Amino acid sequence: MDNIEILNHKGQAIASVSGNSLLISEPQDALDLMAECRYKGADSIIVQEANFHSRFFDLKTGLAGDILQKFSTYRMRIAIVGDFTKFTSKSLGDFIFESNKMGHVNFVGSVEEAKEALAN
C-alpha cells in the first residue's frame, strides 16, 4: 500500500496517505485502508482526491455513498484533499457542502486544512 504517515496534530493521530498508486475504487478498498490506518493507531485519514476512482465523484454511480458509508459505520473520519471546483455537478457541490457541515467527511483544498478539520 502507499506510504501512510501518522501525523500528530493537536493530540490527534491522523493517517496521511501519500503517493498515487492507491486507487480507492470500491468499498473494500476503503475498508482495507481503514484497517491499516487503525492498525497504525489513527482514527482519521487524509487522502488525496487522485486516490479515488473518477466514478467516486459521479454521484449517480453510488460509489461515494457506498465508500463514505463505510467510514461512518466504522467511525473513522476522512478528509479528501483536492481541487473540487473543477467538478460542475450541482449535486456534487451540494454533497460536498453538506459533508463539510457535518464534519465526518471533509472535502478540503490542502493537507493543512485537512489536519485542522480532523482535529476539531
PDB file of N, CA and C in Angstrom:
ATOM      1  N   MET A   1       0.854  -1.175   0.000  1.00  0.00           N
ATOM      2  CA  MET A   1       0.000   0.000   0.000  1.00  0.00           C
ATOM      3  C   MET A   1       0.898   1.236   0.000  1.00  0.00           C
ATOM      4  N   ASP A   2       0.352   2.332  -0.417  1.00  0.00           N
ATOM      5  CA  ASP A   2       1.114   3.582  -0.456  1.00  0.00           C
ATOM      6  C   ASP A   2       1.659   3.934   0.910  1.00  0.00           C
ATOM      7  N   ASN A   3       2.443   4.938   0.941  1.00  0.00           N
ATOM      8  CA  ASN A   3       3.035   5.414   2.178  1.00  0.00           C
ATOM      9  C   ASN A   3       1.946   5.995   3.078  1.00  0.00           C
ATOM     10  N   ILE A   4       1.873   5.514   4.288  1.00  0.00           N
ATOM     11  CA  ILE A   4       0.945   6.040   5.279  1.00  0.00           C
ATOM     12  C   ILE A   4       1.783   6.593   6.422  1.00  0.00           C
ATOM     13  N   GLU A   5       1.695   7.898   6.591  1.00  0.00           N
ATOM     14  CA  GLU A   5       2.428   8.579   7.652  1.00  0.00           C
ATOM     15  C   GLU A   5       1.435   8.961   8.740  1.00  0.00           C
ATOM     16  N   ILE A   6       1.796   8.724   9.980  1.00  0.00           N
ATOM     17  CA  ILE A   6       0.931   9.109  11.094  1.00  0.00           C
ATOM     18  C   ILE A   6       1.386  10.481  11.582  1.00  0.00           C
ATOM     19  N   LEU A   7       0.472  11.440  11.491  1.00  0.00           N
ATOM     20  CA  LEU A   7       0.729  12.804  11.936  1.00  0.00           C
ATOM     21  C   LEU A   7       0.088  12.998  13.305  1.00  0.00           C
ATOM     22  N   ASN A   8       0.745  13.721  14.155  1.00  0.00           N
ATOM     23  CA  ASN A   8       0.144  14.074  15.442  1.00  0.00           C
ATOM     24  C   ASN A   8      -0.207  15.546  15.362  1.00  0.00           C
ATOM     25  N   HIS A   9      -1.488  15.836  15.341  1.00  0.00           N
ATOM     26  CA  HIS A   9      -1.937  17.218  15.223  1.00  0.00           C
ATOM     27  C   HIS A   9      -2.945  17.506  16.327  1.00  0.00           C
ATOM     28  N   LYS A  10      -2.572  18.388  17.231  1.00  0.00           N
ATOM     29  CA  LYS A  10      -3.434  18.771  18.352  1.00  0.00           C
ATOM     30  C   LYS A  10      -3.884  17.547  19.144  1.00  0.00           C
ATOM     31  N   GLY A  11      -2.960  16.616  19.340  1.00  0.00           N
ATOM     32  CA  GLY A  11      -3.245  15.429  20.126  1.00  0.00           C
ATOM     33  C   GLY A  11      -3.985  14.330  19.388  1.00  0.00           C
ATOM     34  N   GLN A  12      -4.238  14.523  18.105  1.00  0.00           N
ATOM     35  CA  GLN A  12      -4.932  13.522  17.297  1.00  0.00           C
ATOM     36  C   GLN A  12      -3.927  12.780  16.419  1.00  0.00           C
ATOM     37  N   ALA A  13      -4.066  11.470  16.346  1.00  0.00           N
ATOM     38  CA  ALA A  13      -3.266  10.676  15.409  1.00  0.00           C
ATOM     39  C   ALA A  13      -4.036  10.598  14.098  1.00  0.00           C
ATOM     40  N   ILE A  14      -3.469  11.200  13.067  1.00  0.00           N
ATOM     41  CA  ILE A  14      -4.122  11.275  11.764  1.00  0.00           C
ATOM     42  C   ILE A  14      -3.232  10.592  10.737  1.00  0.00           C
ATOM     43  N   ALA A  15      -3.792   9.652   9.988  1.00  0.00           N
ATOM     44  CA  ALA A  15      -3.047   8.979   8.929  1.00  0.00           C
ATOM     45  C   ALA A  15      -3.110   9.836   7.673  1.00  0.00           C
ATOM     46  N   SER A  16      -1.961  10.060   7.074  1.00  0.00           N
ATOM     47  CA  SER A  16      -1.893  10.806   5.831  1.00  0.00           C
ATOM     48  C   SER A  16      -1.359   9.878   4.751  1.00  0.00           C
ATOM     49  N   VAL A  17      -2.163   9.641   3.736  1.00  0.00           N
ATOM     50  CA  VAL A  17      -1.797   8.736   2.651  1.00  0.00           C
ATOM     51  C   VAL A  17      -1.142   9.550   1.544  1.00  0.00           C
ATOM     52  N   SER A  18       0.050   9.144   1.147  1.00  0.00           N
ATOM     53  CA  SER A  18       0.730   9.837   0.053  1.00  0.00           C
ATOM     54  C   SER A  18       1.041   8.846  -1.054  1.00  0.00           C
ATOM     55  N   GLY A  19       1.326   9.376  -2.212  1.00  0.00           N
ATOM     56  CA  GLY A  19       1.580   8.523  -3.368  1.00  0.00           C
ATOM     57  C   GLY A  19       0.318   8.378  -4.188  1.00  0.00           C
ATOM     58  N   ASN A  20       0.481   7.960  -5.415  1.00  0.00           N
ATOM     59  CA  ASN A  20      -0.691   7.870  -6.275  1.00  0.00           C
ATOM     60  C   ASN A  20      -0.960   6.476  -6.814  1.00  0.00           C
ATOM     61  N   SER A  21      -0.332   5.476  -6.221  1.00  0.00           N
ATOM     62  CA  SER A  21      -0.623   4.126  -6.702  1.00  0.00           C
ATOM     63  C   SER A  21      -1.870   3.541  -6.038  1.00  0.00           C
ATOM     64  N   LEU A  22      -2.276   4.109  -4.899  1.00  0.00           N
ATOM     65  CA  LEU A  22      -3.500   3.647  -4.243  1.00  0.00           C
ATOM     66  C   LEU A  22      -4.694   4.192  -5.004  1.00  0.00           C
ATOM     67  N   LEU A  23      -5.581   3.323  -5.389  1.00  0.00           N
ATOM     68  CA  LEU A  23      -6.809   3.763  -6.035  1.00  0.00           C
ATOM     69  C   LEU A  23      -7.975   3.133  -5.281  1.00  0.00           C
ATOM     70  N   ILE A  24      -8.779   3.975  -4.677  1.00  0.00           N
ATOM     71  CA  ILE A  24      -9.961   3.503  -3.968  1.00  0.00           C
ATOM     72  C   ILE A  24     -11.078   3.460  -5.001  1.00  0.00           C
ATOM     73  N   SER A  25     -11.404   2.258  -5.428  1.00  0.00           N
ATOM     74  CA  SER A  25     -12.395   2.123  -6.492  1.00  0.00           C
ATOM     75  C   SER A  25     -13.611   1.311  -6.073  1.00  0.00           C
ATOM     76  N   GLU A  26     -13.595   0.800  -4.843  1.00  0.00           N
ATOM     77  CA  GLU A  26     -14.747   0.061  -4.330  1.00  0.00           C
ATOM     78  C   GLU A  26     -14.707   0.114  -2.805  1.00  0.00           C
ATOM     79  N   PRO A  27     -15.831  -0.168  -2.152  1.00  0.00           N
ATOM     80  CA  PRO A  27     -15.871  -0.090  -0.691  1.00  0.00           C
ATOM     81  C   PRO A  27     -14.814  -0.939   0.014  1.00  0.00           C
ATOM     82  N   GLN A  28     -14.477  -2.092  -0.522  1.00  0.00           N
ATOM     83  CA  GLN A  28     -13.474  -2.945   0.117  1.00  0.00           C
ATOM     84  C   GLN A  28     -12.112  -2.255   0.190  1.00  0.00           C
ATOM     85  N   ASP A  29     -11.787  -1.456  -0.827  1.00  0.00           N
ATOM     86  CA  ASP A  29     -10.530  -0.714  -0.802  1.00  0.00           C
ATOM     87  C   ASP A  29     -10.500   0.239   0.397  1.00  0.00           C
ATOM     88  N   ALA A  30     -11.626   0.885   0.651  1.00  0.00           N
ATOM     89  CA  ALA A  30     -11.722   1.805   1.791  1.00  0.00           C
ATOM     90  C   ALA A  30     -11.593   1.042   3.105  1.00  0.00           C
ATOM     91  N   LEU A  31     -12.221  -0.112   3.190  1.00  0.00           N
ATOM     92  CA  LEU A  31     -12.126  -0.928   4.405  1.00  0.00           C
ATOM     93  C   LEU A  31     -10.689  -1.361   4.663  1.00  0.00           C
ATOM     94  N   ASP A  32      -9.986  -1.760   3.615  1.00  0.00           N
ATOM     95  CA  ASP A  32      -8.583  -2.169   3.754  1.00  0.00           C
ATOM     96  C   ASP A  32      -7.730  -0.999   4.240  1.00  0.00           C
ATOM     97  N   LEU A  33      -7.970   0.183   3.674  1.00  0.00           N
ATOM     98  CA  LEU A  33      -7.225   1.369   4.087  1.00  0.00           C
ATOM     99  C   LEU A  33      -7.524   1.713   5.543  1.00  0.00           C
ATOM    100  N   MET A  34      -8.777   1.675   5.926  1.00  0.00           N
ATOM    101  CA  MET A  34      -9.148   1.965   7.310  1.00  0.00           C
ATOM    102  C   MET A  34      -8.471   0.992   8.272  1.00  0.00           C
ATOM    103  N   ALA A  35      -8.472  -0.285   7.924  1.00  0.00           N
ATOM    104  CA  ALA A  35      -7.868  -1.293   8.791  1.00  0.00           C
ATOM    105  C   ALA A  35      -6.380  -1.023   8.980  1.00  0.00           C
ATOM    106  N   GLU A  36      -5.702  -0.694   7.909  1.00  0.00           N
ATOM    107  CA  GLU A  36      -4.268  -0.439   8.016  1.00  0.00           C
ATOM    108  C   GLU A  36      -4.001   0.820   8.848  1.00  0.00           C
ATOM    109  N   CYS A  37      -4.802   1.852   8.661  1.00  0.00           N
ATOM    110  CA  CYS A  37      -4.609   3.093   9.421  1.00  0.00           C
ATOM    111  C   CYS A  37      -4.927   2.887  10.896  1.00  0.00           C
ATOM    112  N   ARG A  38      -5.973   2.123  11.191  1.00  0.00           N
ATOM    113  CA  ARG A  38      -6.290   1.828  12.594  1.00  0.00           C
ATOM    114  C   ARG A  38      -5.171   1.025  13.233  1.00  0.00           C
ATOM    115  N   TYR A  39      -4.633   0.083  12.490  1.00  0.00           N
ATOM    116  CA  TYR A  39      -3.521  -0.729  12.985  1.00  0.00           C
ATOM    117  C   TYR A  39      -2.334   0.166  13.364  1.00  0.00           C
ATOM    118  N   LYS A  40      -2.153   1.237  12.615  1.00  0.00           N
ATOM    119  CA  LYS A  40      -1.054   2.162  12.876  1.00  0.00           C
ATOM    120  C   LYS A  40      -1.418   3.214  13.930  1.00  0.00           C
ATOM    121  N   GLY A  41      -2.635   3.131  14.482  1.00  0.00           N
ATOM    122  CA  GLY A  41      -3.011   3.988  15.588  1.00  0.00           C
ATOM    123  C   GLY A  41      -3.823   5.223  15.252  1.00  0.00           C
ATOM    124  N   ALA A  42      -4.254   5.365  14.016  1.00  0.00           N
ATOM    125  CA  ALA A  42      -5.006   6.556  13.611  1.00  0.00           C
ATOM    126  C   ALA A  42      -6.505   6.273  13.558  1.00  0.00           C
ATOM    127  N   ASP A  43      -7.288   7.294  13.866  1.00  0.00           N
ATOM    128  CA  ASP A  43      -8.744   7.162  13.708  1.00  0.00           C
ATOM    129  C   ASP A  43      -9.298   8.206  12.757  1.00  0.00           C
ATOM    130  N   SER A  44      -8.396   8.863  12.026  1.00  0.00           N
ATOM    131  CA  SER A  44      -8.762   9.803  10.969  1.00  0.00           C
ATOM    132  C   SER A  44      -7.767   9.618   9.830  1.00  0.00           C
ATOM    133  N   ILE A  45      -8.224   9.915   8.602  1.00  0.00           N
ATOM    134  CA  ILE A  45      -7.382   9.700   7.426  1.00  0.00           C
ATOM    135  C   ILE A  45      -7.454  10.919   6.507  1.00  0.00           C
ATOM    136  N   ILE A  46      -6.298  11.292   5.973  1.00  0.00           N
ATOM    137  CA  ILE A  46      -6.221  12.296   4.912  1.00  0.00           C
ATOM    138  C   ILE A  46      -5.862  11.554   3.631  1.00  0.00           C
ATOM    139  N   VAL A  47      -6.692  11.719   2.611  1.00  0.00           N
ATOM    140  CA  VAL A  47      -6.486  11.050   1.327  1.00  0.00           C
ATOM    141  C   VAL A  47      -6.596  12.095   0.225  1.00  0.00           C
ATOM    142  N   GLN A  48      -5.792  11.962  -0.796  1.00  0.00           N
ATOM    143  CA  GLN A  48      -5.844  12.878  -1.933  1.00  0.00           C
ATOM    144  C   GLN A  48      -6.983  12.488  -2.876  1.00  0.00           C
ATOM    145  N   GLU A  49      -7.565  13.487  -3.486  1.00  0.00           N
ATOM    146  CA  GLU A  49      -8.625  13.267  -4.484  1.00  0.00           C
ATOM    147  C   GLU A  49      -8.180  12.270  -5.552  1.00  0.00           C
ATOM    148  N   ALA A  50      -6.917  12.352  -5.953  1.00  0.00           N
ATOM    149  CA  ALA A  50      -6.386  11.475  -7.006  1.00  0.00           C
ATOM    150  C   ALA A  50      -6.393  10.008  -6.603  1.00  0.00           C
ATOM    151  N   ASN A  51      -6.532   9.721  -5.309  1.00  0.00           N
ATOM    152  CA  ASN A  51      -6.554   8.338  -4.854  1.00  0.00           C
ATOM    153  C   ASN A  51      -7.929   7.689  -4.994  1.00  0.00           C
ATOM    154  N   PHE A  52      -8.902   8.442  -5.443  1.00  0.00           N
ATOM    155  CA  PHE A  52     -10.245   7.907  -5.657  1.00  0.00           C
ATOM    156  C   PHE A  52     -10.490   7.718  -7.148  1.00  0.00           C
ATOM    157  N   HIS A  53     -11.152   6.641  -7.481  1.00  0.00           N
ATOM    158  CA  HIS A  53     -11.555   6.415  -8.864  1.00  0.00           C
ATOM    159  C   HIS A  53     -12.470   7.556  -9.289  1.00  0.00           C
ATOM    160  N   SER A  54     -12.392   7.950 -10.536  1.00  0.00           N
ATOM    161  CA  SER A  54     -13.197   9.083 -11.026  1.00  0.00           C
ATOM    162  C   SER A  54     -14.699   8.859 -10.829  1.00  0.00           C
ATOM    163  N   ARG A  55     -15.138   7.598 -10.788  1.00  0.00           N
ATOM    164  CA  ARG A  55     -16.569   7.313 -10.559  1.00  0.00           C
ATOM    165  C   ARG A  55     -17.032   7.800  -9.191  1.00  0.00           C
ATOM    166  N   PHE A  56     -16.107   7.926  -8.253  1.00  0.00           N
ATOM    167  CA  PHE A  56     -16.440   8.402  -6.914  1.00  0.00           C
ATOM    168  C   PHE A  56     -17.112   9.777  -6.984  1.00  0.00           C
ATOM    169  N   PHE A  57     -16.653  10.619  -7.897  1.00  0.00           N
ATOM    170  CA  PHE A  57     -17.146  11.990  -7.991  1.00  0.00           C
ATOM    171  C   PHE A  57     -18.366  12.126  -8.906  1.00  0.00           C
ATOM    172  N   ASP A  58     -18.862  11.022  -9.424  1.00  0.00           N
ATOM    173  CA  ASP A  58     -20.122  10.993 -10.173  1.00  0.00           C
ATOM    174  C   ASP A  58     -21.146  10.344  -9.247  1.00  0.00           C
ATOM    175  N   LEU A  59     -21.929  11.178  -8.572  1.00  0.00           N
ATOM    176  CA  LEU A  59     -22.817  10.662  -7.523  1.00  0.00           C
ATOM    177  C   LEU A  59     -23.832   9.656  -8.044  1.00  0.00           C
ATOM    178  N   LYS A  60     -24.131   9.693  -9.337  1.00  0.00           N
ATOM    179  CA  LYS A  60     -25.104   8.741  -9.900  1.00  0.00           C
ATOM    180  C   LYS A  60     -24.638   7.297  -9.782  1.00  0.00           C
ATOM    181  N   THR A  61     -23.323   7.083  -9.664  1.00  0.00           N
ATOM    182  CA  THR A  61     -22.811   5.712  -9.564  1.00  0.00           C
ATOM    183  C   THR A  61     -23.065   5.108  -8.188  1.00  0.00           C
ATOM    184  N   GLY A  62     -23.246   5.964  -7.186  1.00  0.00           N
ATOM    185  CA  GLY A  62     -23.453   5.478  -5.823  1.00  0.00           C
ATOM    186  C   GLY A  62     -22.165   5.108  -5.110  1.00  0.00           C
ATOM    187  N   LEU A  63     -21.037   5.207  -5.799  1.00  0.00           N
ATOM    188  CA  LEU A  63     -19.764   4.791  -5.210  1.00  0.00           C
ATOM    189  C   LEU A  63     -19.381   5.656  -4.014  1.00  0.00           C
ATOM    190  N   ALA A  64     -19.542   6.964  -4.124  1.00  0.00           N
ATOM    191  CA  ALA A  64     -19.192   7.853  -2.998  1.00  0.00           C
ATOM    192  C   ALA A  64     -20.012   7.490  -1.769  1.00  0.00           C
ATOM    193  N   GLY A  65     -21.295   7.296  -1.959  1.00  0.00           N
ATOM    194  CA  GLY A  65     -22.152   6.936  -0.827  1.00  0.00           C
ATOM    195  C   GLY A  65     -21.756   5.617  -0.198  1.00  0.00           C
ATOM    196  N   ASP A  66     -21.463   4.626  -1.029  1.00  0.00           N
ATOM    197  CA  ASP A  66     -21.065   3.311  -0.520  1.00  0.00           C
ATOM    198  C   ASP A  66     -19.747   3.385   0.261  1.00  0.00           C
ATOM    199  N   ILE A  67     -18.783   4.102  -0.292  1.00  0.00           N
ATOM    200  CA  ILE A  67     -17.478   4.196   0.355  1.00  0.00           C
ATOM    201  C   ILE A  67     -17.565   5.020   1.629  1.00  0.00           C
ATOM    202  N   LEU A  68     -18.207   6.164   1.558  1.00  0.00           N
ATOM    203  CA  LEU A  68     -18.260   7.043   2.727  1.00  0.00           C
ATOM    204  C   LEU A  68     -19.123   6.468   3.835  1.00  0.00           C
ATOM    205  N   GLN A  69     -20.080   5.609   3.481  1.00  0.00           N
ATOM    206  CA  GLN A  69     -20.879   4.930   4.499  1.00  0.00           C
ATOM    207  C   GLN A  69     -19.988   4.026   5.351  1.00  0.00           C
ATOM    208  N   LYS A  70     -18.978   3.429   4.738  1.00  0.00           N
ATOM    209  CA  LYS A  70     -18.040   2.583   5.488  1.00  0.00           C
ATOM    210  C   LYS A  70     -17.296   3.414   6.533  1.00  0.00           C
ATOM    211  N   PHE A  71     -16.878   4.616   6.153  1.00  0.00           N
ATOM    212  CA  PHE A  71     -16.190   5.479   7.111  1.00  0.00           C
ATOM    213  C   PHE A  71     -17.108   5.838   8.272  1.00  0.00           C
ATOM    214  N   SER A  72     -18.371   6.072   7.971  1.00  0.00           N
ATOM    215  CA  SER A  72     -19.335   6.394   9.019  1.00  0.00           C
ATOM    216  C   SER A  72     -19.593   5.185   9.909  1.00  0.00           C
ATOM    217  N   THR A  73     -19.823   4.035   9.302  1.00  0.00           N
ATOM    218  CA  THR A  73     -20.105   2.814  10.053  1.00  0.00           C
ATOM    219  C   THR A  73     -18.971   2.472  11.014  1.00  0.00           C
ATOM    220  N   TYR A  74     -17.741   2.623  10.551  1.00  0.00           N
ATOM    221  CA  TYR A  74     -16.583   2.258  11.370  1.00  0.00           C
ATOM    222  C   TYR A  74     -15.996   3.454  12.119  1.00  0.00           C
ATOM    223  N   ARG A  75     -16.740   4.549  12.137  1.00  0.00           N
ATOM    224  CA  ARG A  75     -16.385   5.756  12.910  1.00  0.00           C
ATOM    225  C   ARG A  75     -14.961   6.225  12.657  1.00  0.00           C
ATOM    226  N   MET A  76     -14.638   6.350  11.395  1.00  0.00           N
ATOM    227  CA  MET A  76     -13.341   6.891  11.008  1.00  0.00           C
ATOM    228  C   MET A  76     -13.593   8.136  10.175  1.00  0.00           C
ATOM    229  N   ARG A  77     -13.030   9.240  10.625  1.00  0.00           N
ATOM    230  CA  ARG A  77     -13.190  10.498   9.900  1.00  0.00           C
ATOM    231  C   ARG A  77     -12.210  10.539   8.736  1.00  0.00           C
ATOM    232  N   ILE A  78     -12.612  11.249   7.677  1.00  0.00           N
ATOM    233  CA  ILE A  78     -11.774  11.345   6.485  1.00  0.00           C
ATOM    234  C   ILE A  78     -11.792  12.773   5.961  1.00  0.00           C
ATOM    235  N   ALA A  79     -10.639  13.192   5.470  1.00  0.00           N
ATOM    236  CA  ALA A  79     -10.536  14.456   4.748  1.00  0.00           C
ATOM    237  C   ALA A  79      -9.973  14.132   3.372  1.00  0.00           C
ATOM    238  N   ILE A  80     -10.673  14.565   2.362  1.00  0.00           N
ATOM    239  CA  ILE A  80     -10.249  14.346   0.980  1.00  0.00           C
ATOM    240  C   ILE A  80      -9.702  15.675   0.475  1.00  0.00           C
ATOM    241  N   VAL A  81      -8.445  15.662   0.055  1.00  0.00           N
ATOM    242  CA  VAL A  81      -7.761  16.885  -0.363  1.00  0.00           C
ATOM    243  C   VAL A  81      -7.749  16.968  -1.885  1.00  0.00           C
ATOM    244  N   GLY A  82      -8.212  18.093  -2.403  1.00  0.00           N
ATOM    245  CA  GLY A  82      -8.179  18.276  -3.848  1.00  0.00           C
ATOM    246  C   GLY A  82      -8.770  19.603  -4.264  1.00  0.00           C
ATOM    247  N   ASP A  83      -8.829  19.798  -5.561  1.00  0.00           N
ATOM    248  CA  ASP A  83      -9.464  20.974  -6.140  1.00  0.00           C
ATOM    249  C   ASP A  83     -10.822  20.545  -6.666  1.00  0.00           C
ATOM    250  N   PHE A  84     -11.844  20.809  -5.892  1.00  0.00           N
ATOM    251  CA  PHE A  84     -13.179  20.327  -6.239  1.00  0.00           C
ATOM    252  C   PHE A  84     -13.955  21.324  -7.095  1.00  0.00           C
ATOM    253  N   THR A  85     -13.345  22.475  -7.380  1.00  0.00           N
ATOM    254  CA  THR A  85     -14.003  23.473  -8.217  1.00  0.00           C
ATOM    255  C   THR A  85     -14.117  22.995  -9.663  1.00  0.00           C
ATOM    256  N   LYS A  86     -13.305  22.025 -10.052  1.00  0.00           N
ATOM    257  CA  LYS A  86     -13.353  21.532 -11.434  1.00  0.00           C
ATOM    258  C   LYS A  86     -14.594  20.688 -11.710  1.00  0.00           C
ATOM    259  N   PHE A  87     -15.259  20.240 -10.644  1.00  0.00           N
ATOM    260  CA  PHE A  87     -16.473  19.455 -10.824  1.00  0.00           C
ATOM    261  C   PHE A  87     -17.664  20.409 -10.919  1.00  0.00           C
ATOM    262  N   THR A  88     -18.416  20.276 -11.982  1.00  0.00           N
ATOM    263  CA  THR A  88     -19.501  21.229 -12.228  1.00  0.00           C
ATOM    264  C   THR A  88     -20.868  20.726 -11.773  1.00  0.00           C
ATOM    265  N   SER A  89     -20.936  19.516 -11.284  1.00  0.00           N
ATOM    266  CA  SER A  89     -22.211  18.937 -10.852  1.00  0.00           C
ATOM    267  C   SER A  89     -22.749  19.673  -9.625  1.00  0.00           C
ATOM    268  N   LYS A  90     -23.971  20.195  -9.739  1.00  0.00           N
ATOM    269  CA  LYS A  90     -24.601  20.869  -8.605  1.00  0.00           C
ATOM    270  C   LYS A  90     -24.819  19.880  -7.462  1.00  0.00           C
ATOM    271  N   SER A  91     -25.217  18.656  -7.775  1.00  0.00           N
ATOM    272  CA  SER A  91     -25.463  17.678  -6.717  1.00  0.00           C
ATOM    273  C   SER A  91     -24.169  17.346  -5.975  1.00  0.00           C
ATOM    274  N   LEU A  92     -23.040  17.267  -6.681  1.00  0.00           N
ATOM    275  CA  LEU A  92     -21.770  17.017  -6.013  1.00  0.00           C
ATOM    276  C   LEU A  92     -21.387  18.215  -5.150  1.00  0.00           C
ATOM    277  N   GLY A  93     -21.604  19.410  -5.661  1.00  0.00           N
ATOM    278  CA  GLY A  93     -21.331  20.611  -4.871  1.00  0.00           C
ATOM    279  C   GLY A  93     -22.144  20.641  -3.593  1.00  0.00           C
ATOM    280  N   ASP A  94     -23.420  20.284  -3.696  1.00  0.00           N
ATOM    281  CA  ASP A  94     -24.285  20.221  -2.516  1.00  0.00           C
ATOM    282  C   ASP A  94     -23.809  19.145  -1.546  1.00  0.00           C
ATOM    283  N   PHE A  95     -23.409  18.004  -2.097  1.00  0.00           N
ATOM    284  CA  PHE A  95     -22.916  16.897  -1.285  1.00  0.00           C
ATOM    285  C   PHE A  95     -21.664  17.319  -0.509  1.00  0.00           C
ATOM    286  N   ILE A  96     -20.749  17.988  -1.181  1.00  0.00           N
ATOM    287  CA  ILE A  96     -19.522  18.457  -0.534  1.00  0.00           C
ATOM    288  C   ILE A  96     -19.859  19.460   0.563  1.00  0.00           C
ATOM    289  N   PHE A  97     -20.751  20.395   0.268  1.00  0.00           N
ATOM    290  CA  PHE A  97     -21.145  21.408   1.251  1.00  0.00           C
ATOM    291  C   PHE A  97     -21.740  20.753   2.499  1.00  0.00           C
ATOM    292  N   GLU A  98     -22.672  19.822   2.299  1.00  0.00           N
ATOM    293  CA  GLU A  98     -23.324  19.149   3.429  1.00  0.00           C
ATOM    294  C   GLU A  98     -22.336  18.276   4.205  1.00  0.00           C
ATOM    295  N   SER A  99     -21.453  17.599   3.499  1.00  0.00           N
ATOM    296  CA  SER A  99     -20.450  16.763   4.167  1.00  0.00           C
ATOM    297  C   SER A  99     -19.556  17.612   5.060  1.00  0.00           C
ATOM    298  N   ASN A 100     -19.094  18.725   4.530  1.00  0.00           N
ATOM    299  CA  ASN A 100     -18.215  19.598   5.309  1.00  0.00           C
ATOM    300  C   ASN A 100     -18.938  20.172   6.525  1.00  0.00           C
ATOM    301  N   LYS A 101     -20.223  20.406   6.395  1.00  0.00           N
ATOM    302  CA  LYS A 101     -21.002  20.949   7.510  1.00  0.00           C
ATOM    303  C   LYS A 101     -21.107  19.924   8.643  1.00  0.00           C
ATOM    304  N   MET A 102     -21.241  18.658   8.275  1.00  0.00           N
ATOM    305  CA  MET A 102     -21.390  17.598   9.278  1.00  0.00           C
ATOM    306  C   MET A 102     -20.048  17.273   9.947  1.00  0.00           C
ATOM    307  N   GLY A 103     -18.947  17.357   9.200  1.00  0.00           N
ATOM    308  CA  GLY A 103     -17.629  17.204   9.784  1.00  0.00           C
ATOM    309  C   GLY A 103     -17.033  15.804   9.819  1.00  0.00           C
ATOM    310  N   HIS A 104     -17.803  14.784   9.485  1.00  0.00           N
ATOM    311  CA  HIS A 104     -17.253  13.424   9.494  1.00  0.00           C
ATOM    312  C   HIS A 104     -16.455  13.164   8.219  1.00  0.00           C
ATOM    313  N   VAL A 105     -16.957  13.709   7.123  1.00  0.00           N
ATOM    314  CA  VAL A 105     -16.288  13.644   5.828  1.00  0.00           C
ATOM    315  C   VAL A 105     -16.024  15.091   5.421  1.00  0.00           C
ATOM    316  N   ASN A 106     -14.767  15.391   5.109  1.00  0.00           N
ATOM    317  CA  ASN A 106     -14.395  16.761   4.764  1.00  0.00           C
ATOM    318  C   ASN A 106     -13.728  16.791   3.404  1.00  0.00           C
ATOM    319  N   PHE A 107     -14.140  17.734   2.578  1.00  0.00           N
ATOM    320  CA  PHE A 107     -13.508  17.985   1.293  1.00  0.00           C
ATOM    321  C   PHE A 107     -12.772  19.310   1.439  1.00  0.00           C
ATOM    322  N   VAL A 108     -11.445  19.274   1.329  1.00  0.00           N
ATOM    323  CA  VAL A 108     -10.636  20.450   1.608  1.00  0.00           C
ATOM    324  C   VAL A 108      -9.605  20.662   0.506  1.00  0.00           C
ATOM    325  N   GLY A 109      -8.980  21.836   0.536  1.00  0.00           N
ATOM    326  CA  GLY A 109      -8.036  22.194  -0.508  1.00  0.00           C
ATOM    327  C   GLY A 109      -6.581  21.910  -0.194  1.00  0.00           C
ATOM    328  N   SER A 110      -6.262  21.610   1.071  1.00  0.00           N
ATOM    329  CA  SER A 110      -4.859  21.380   1.422  1.00  0.00           C
ATOM    330  C   SER A 110      -4.757  20.413   2.600  1.00  0.00           C
ATOM    331  N   VAL A 111      -3.565  19.878   2.779  1.00  0.00           N
ATOM    332  CA  VAL A 111      -3.319  18.977   3.906  1.00  0.00           C
ATOM    333  C   VAL A 111      -3.466  19.745   5.219  1.00  0.00           C
ATOM    334  N   GLU A 112      -3.039  20.996   5.247  1.00  0.00           N
ATOM    335  CA  GLU A 112      -3.186  21.805   6.466  1.00  0.00           C
ATOM    336  C   GLU A 112      -4.665  21.956   6.840  1.00  0.00           C
ATOM    337  N   GLU A 113      -5.498  22.252   5.850  1.00  0.00           N
ATOM    338  CA  GLU A 113      -6.949  22.341   6.111  1.00  0.00           C
ATOM    339  C   GLU A 113      -7.481  21.008   6.592  1.00  0.00           C
ATOM    340  N   ALA A 114      -6.996  19.925   6.016  1.00  0.00           N
ATOM    341  CA  ALA A 114      -7.427  18.577   6.414  1.00  0.00           C
ATOM    342  C   ALA A 114      -7.092  18.314   7.876  1.00  0.00           C
ATOM    343  N   LYS A 115      -5.865  18.641   8.279  1.00  0.00           N
ATOM    344  CA  LYS A 115      -5.458  18.420   9.665  1.00  0.00           C
ATOM    345  C   LYS A 115      -6.346  19.220  10.624  1.00  0.00           C
ATOM    346  N   GLU A 116      -6.639  20.456  10.272  1.00  0.00           N
ATOM    347  CA  GLU A 116      -7.485  21.281  11.117  1.00  0.00           C
ATOM    348  C   GLU A 116      -8.906  20.708  11.207  1.00  0.00           C
ATOM    349  N   ALA A 117      -9.440  20.296  10.072  1.00  0.00           N
ATOM    350  CA  ALA A 117     -10.801  19.740  10.051  1.00  0.00           C
ATOM    351  C   ALA A 117     -10.897  18.474  10.896  1.00  0.00           C
ATOM    352  N   LEU A 118      -9.875  17.633  10.835  1.00  0.00           N
ATOM    353  CA  LEU A 118      -9.913  16.357  11.548  1.00  0.00           C
ATOM    354  C   LEU A 118      -9.555  16.501  13.021  1.00  0.00           C
ATOM    355  N   ALA A 119      -8.906  17.581  13.384  1.00  0.00           N
ATOM    356  CA  ALA A 119      -8.533  17.785  14.786  1.00  0.00           C
ATOM    357  C   ALA A 119      -9.661  18.414  15.594  1.00  0.00           C
ATOM    358  N   ASN A 120     -10.694  18.872  14.936  1.00  0.00           N
ATOM    359  CA  ASN A 120     -11.817  19.514  15.650  1.00  0.00           C
ATOM    360  C   ASN A 120     -12.862  18.500  16.064  1.00  0.00           C
TER     361      ASN A 120
END
